[in-house]
C-alpha atoms as a PDB file:
ATOM      1  CA  MET A   1       0.058   0.062  -0.192  1.00  0.00           C
ATOM      2  CA  GLY A   2       1.475   3.280  -1.109  1.00  0.00           C
ATOM      3  CA  GLN A   3       1.394   6.603   0.527  1.00  0.00           C
ATOM      4  CA  PRO A   4      -1.351   9.118  -1.137  1.00  0.00           C
ATOM      5  CA  ASP A   5       0.100  12.046  -2.928  1.00  0.00           C
ATOM      6  CA  PRO A   6      -0.313  15.267  -0.711  1.00  0.00           C
ATOM      7  CA  PRO A   7      -3.203  17.442  -1.967  1.00  0.00           C
ATOM      8  CA  ARG A   8      -1.788  20.053  -4.785  1.00  0.00           C
ATOM      9  CA  LYS A   9      -4.887  21.858  -4.078  1.00  0.00           C
ATOM     10  CA  ARG A  10      -3.964  22.670  -0.556  1.00  0.00           C
ATOM     11  CA  THR A  11      -0.627  24.029  -1.615  1.00  0.00           C
ATOM     12  CA  VAL A  12      -2.201  26.497  -4.362  1.00  0.00           C
ATOM     13  CA  THR A  13      -4.796  27.625  -1.778  1.00  0.00           C
ATOM     14  CA  TRP A  14      -2.253  28.446   0.807  1.00  0.00           C
ATOM     15  CA  ILE A  15      -0.207  30.321  -2.071  1.00  0.00           C
ATOM     16  CA  ALA A  16      -2.948  32.261  -3.002  1.00  0.00           C
ATOM     17  CA  ILE A  17      -3.919  33.129   0.661  1.00  0.00           C
ATOM     18  CA  THR A  18      -0.274  34.469   1.037  1.00  0.00           C
ATOM     19  CA  VAL A  19      -0.376  36.375  -1.965  1.00  0.00           C
ATOM     20  CA  LEU A  20      -3.808  38.141  -0.778  1.00  0.00           C
ATOM     21  CA  LEU A  21      -2.333  39.079   2.357  1.00  0.00           C
ATOM     22  CA  LEU A  22       1.040  40.231   1.396  1.00  0.00           C
ATOM     23  CA  ALA A  23      -0.788  42.503  -1.253  1.00  0.00           C
ATOM     24  CA  SER A  24      -2.483  44.254   1.680  1.00  0.00           C
ATOM     25  CA  LEU A  25       0.792  44.280   3.805  1.00  0.00           C
ATOM     26  CA  VAL A  26       2.750  45.940   0.784  1.00  0.00           C
ATOM     27  CA  GLY A  27       0.231  48.365  -0.175  1.00  0.00           C
ATOM     28  CA  THR A  28      -0.052  49.857   3.108  1.00  0.00           C
ATOM     29  CA  LEU A  29       3.419  49.470   4.629  1.00  0.00           C
ATOM     30  CA  TRP A  30       5.536  50.540   1.753  1.00  0.00           C
ATOM     31  CA  VAL A  31       5.528  54.312   2.853  1.00  0.00           C
ATOM     32  CA  ARG A  32       7.975  55.709   0.205  1.00  0.00           C
ATOM     33  CA  PHE A  33       5.351  54.851  -2.406  1.00  0.00           C
ATOM     34  CA  TYR A  34       2.529  57.236  -0.772  1.00  0.00           C
ATOM     35  CA  ALA A  35       4.563  59.624   1.371  1.00  0.00           C
ATOM     36  CA  ARG A  36       3.474  62.808  -0.709  1.00  0.00           C
ATOM     37  CA  ALA A  37       0.847  65.302  -1.035  1.00  0.00           C
ATOM     38  CA  THR A  38      -0.167  65.033  -4.946  1.00  0.00           C
ATOM     39  CA  PRO A  39      -2.283  63.913  -6.448  1.00  0.00           C
ATOM     40  CA  LYS A  40      -5.257  65.448  -4.214  1.00  0.00           C
ATOM     41  CA  LEU A  41      -8.632  64.088  -4.274  1.00  0.00           C
ATOM     42  CA  GLY A  42     -10.823  67.104  -3.368  1.00  0.00           C
ATOM     43  CA  ASP A  43      -8.908  68.715  -0.174  1.00  0.00           C
ATOM     44  CA  PHE A  44      -7.280  65.431   0.783  1.00  0.00           C
ATOM     45  CA  PRO A  45      -3.733  64.875  -0.086  1.00  0.00           C
ATOM     46  CA  PHE A  46      -2.692  61.586  -1.705  1.00  0.00           C
ATOM     47  CA  PHE A  47      -1.445  60.083   1.540  1.00  0.00           C
ATOM     48  CA  TYR A  48      -4.717  60.356   3.373  1.00  0.00           C
ATOM     49  CA  TRP A  49      -6.990  58.908   0.613  1.00  0.00           C
ATOM     50  CA  TYR A  50      -4.529  56.348  -0.310  1.00  0.00           C
ATOM     51  CA  GLN A  51      -4.690  54.762   2.870  1.00  0.00           C
ATOM     52  CA  LEU A  52      -8.412  55.317   3.350  1.00  0.00           C
ATOM     53  CA  ILE A  53      -8.881  53.322  -0.073  1.00  0.00           C
ATOM     54  CA  TRP A  54      -7.020  50.550   1.404  1.00  0.00           C
ATOM     55  CA  VAL A  55      -9.543  49.978   4.339  1.00  0.00           C
ATOM     56  CA  PRO A  56     -12.070  48.384   2.042  1.00  0.00           C
ATOM     57  CA  ILE A  57      -9.652  46.655   0.002  1.00  0.00           C
ATOM     58  CA  VAL A  58      -7.826  44.877   3.009  1.00  0.00           C
ATOM     59  CA  ALA A  59     -11.319  44.215   4.464  1.00  0.00           C
ATOM     60  CA  VAL A  60     -12.162  42.359   0.791  1.00  0.00           C
ATOM     61  CA  LEU A  61      -8.801  40.746   0.665  1.00  0.00           C
ATOM     62  CA  SER A  62      -8.785  39.211   4.308  1.00  0.00           C
ATOM     63  CA  TRP A  63     -12.326  38.008   3.516  1.00  0.00           C
ATOM     64  CA  LEU A  64     -11.403  36.109   0.459  1.00  0.00           C
ATOM     65  CA  ALA A  65      -8.407  34.576   2.347  1.00  0.00           C
ATOM     66  CA  TYR A  66     -10.878  33.532   5.203  1.00  0.00           C
ATOM     67  CA  LEU A  67     -12.922  31.796   2.637  1.00  0.00           C
ATOM     68  CA  LEU A  68     -10.123  29.854   0.875  1.00  0.00           C
ATOM     69  CA  ILE A  69      -8.898  28.786   4.516  1.00  0.00           C
ATOM     70  CA  GLY A  70     -12.401  27.579   5.294  1.00  0.00           C
ATOM     71  CA  ARG A  71     -12.637  25.742   2.108  1.00  0.00           C
ATOM     72  CA  GLY A  72      -9.487  23.655   2.923  1.00  0.00           C
ATOM     73  CA  ARG A  73     -10.837  22.494   6.072  1.00  0.00           C
ATOM     74  CA  PRO A  74     -12.783  19.288   6.600  1.00  0.00           C
ATOM     75  CA  ALA A  75     -16.133  19.981   8.652  1.00  0.00           C
ATOM     76  CA  ALA A  76     -15.549  19.444  12.216  1.00  0.00           C
ATOM     77  CA  PRO A  77     -17.801  16.645  14.052  1.00  0.00           C
ATOM     78  CA  GLY A  78     -21.053  18.190  15.309  1.00  0.00           C
ATOM     79  CA  THR A  79     -21.196  21.084  13.103  1.00  0.00           C
ATOM     80  CA  ALA A  80     -24.114  21.996  10.811  1.00  0.00           C
ATOM     81  CA  ALA A  81     -22.177  20.717   7.658  1.00  0.00           C
ATOM     82  CA  THR A  82     -21.693  17.305   9.098  1.00  0.00           C
ATOM     83  CA  ALA A  83     -25.198  17.182  10.517  1.00  0.00           C
ATOM     84  CA  ALA A  84     -26.887  18.030   7.198  1.00  0.00           C
ATOM     85  CA  SER A  85     -24.581  15.359   5.309  1.00  0.00           C
ATOM     86  CA  ALA A  86     -25.590  12.681   8.168  1.00  0.00           C
ATOM     87  CA  HIS A  87     -29.372  13.693   7.674  1.00  0.00           C
ATOM     88  CA  LYS A  88     -29.086  13.475   4.012  1.00  0.00           C
ATOM     89  CA  ASN A  89     -27.518   9.913   4.072  1.00  0.00           C
ATOM     90  CA  GLN A  90     -30.314   8.817   6.563  1.00  0.00           C
ATOM     91  CA  GLY A  91     -33.063  10.044   4.204  1.00  0.00           C
ATOM     92  CA  SER A  92     -31.660   8.294   1.090  1.00  0.00           C
ATOM     93  CA  GLY A  93     -32.053   5.006   2.828  1.00  0.00           C
ATOM     94  CA  GLU A  94     -28.376   4.302   2.849  1.00  0.00           C
ATOM     95  CA  GLU A  95     -27.128   1.714   5.581  1.00  0.00           C
ATOM     96  CA  LYS A  96     -23.809   2.412   7.443  1.00  0.00           C
END
């Protein structure tokens, strides 16, 4: 009996999560990029509106990373997902 191949999907998922989170870190922590006053957006210098625009971007990127982490995890015993699958199996007449 051979060892099963490591799941490739899991590695790709973690790479995607890393890229999403690194994008938010680089975009907000690379100060030399946005430490200037121009271009202005209304009365706001570039520094302020650049930082403010990253708030929803980081929220969306974090949410996507959260979804990717959740997709890679098996359902824990006693959760709604396992209860739903058990109920589905009972209703289909399958014997265990």
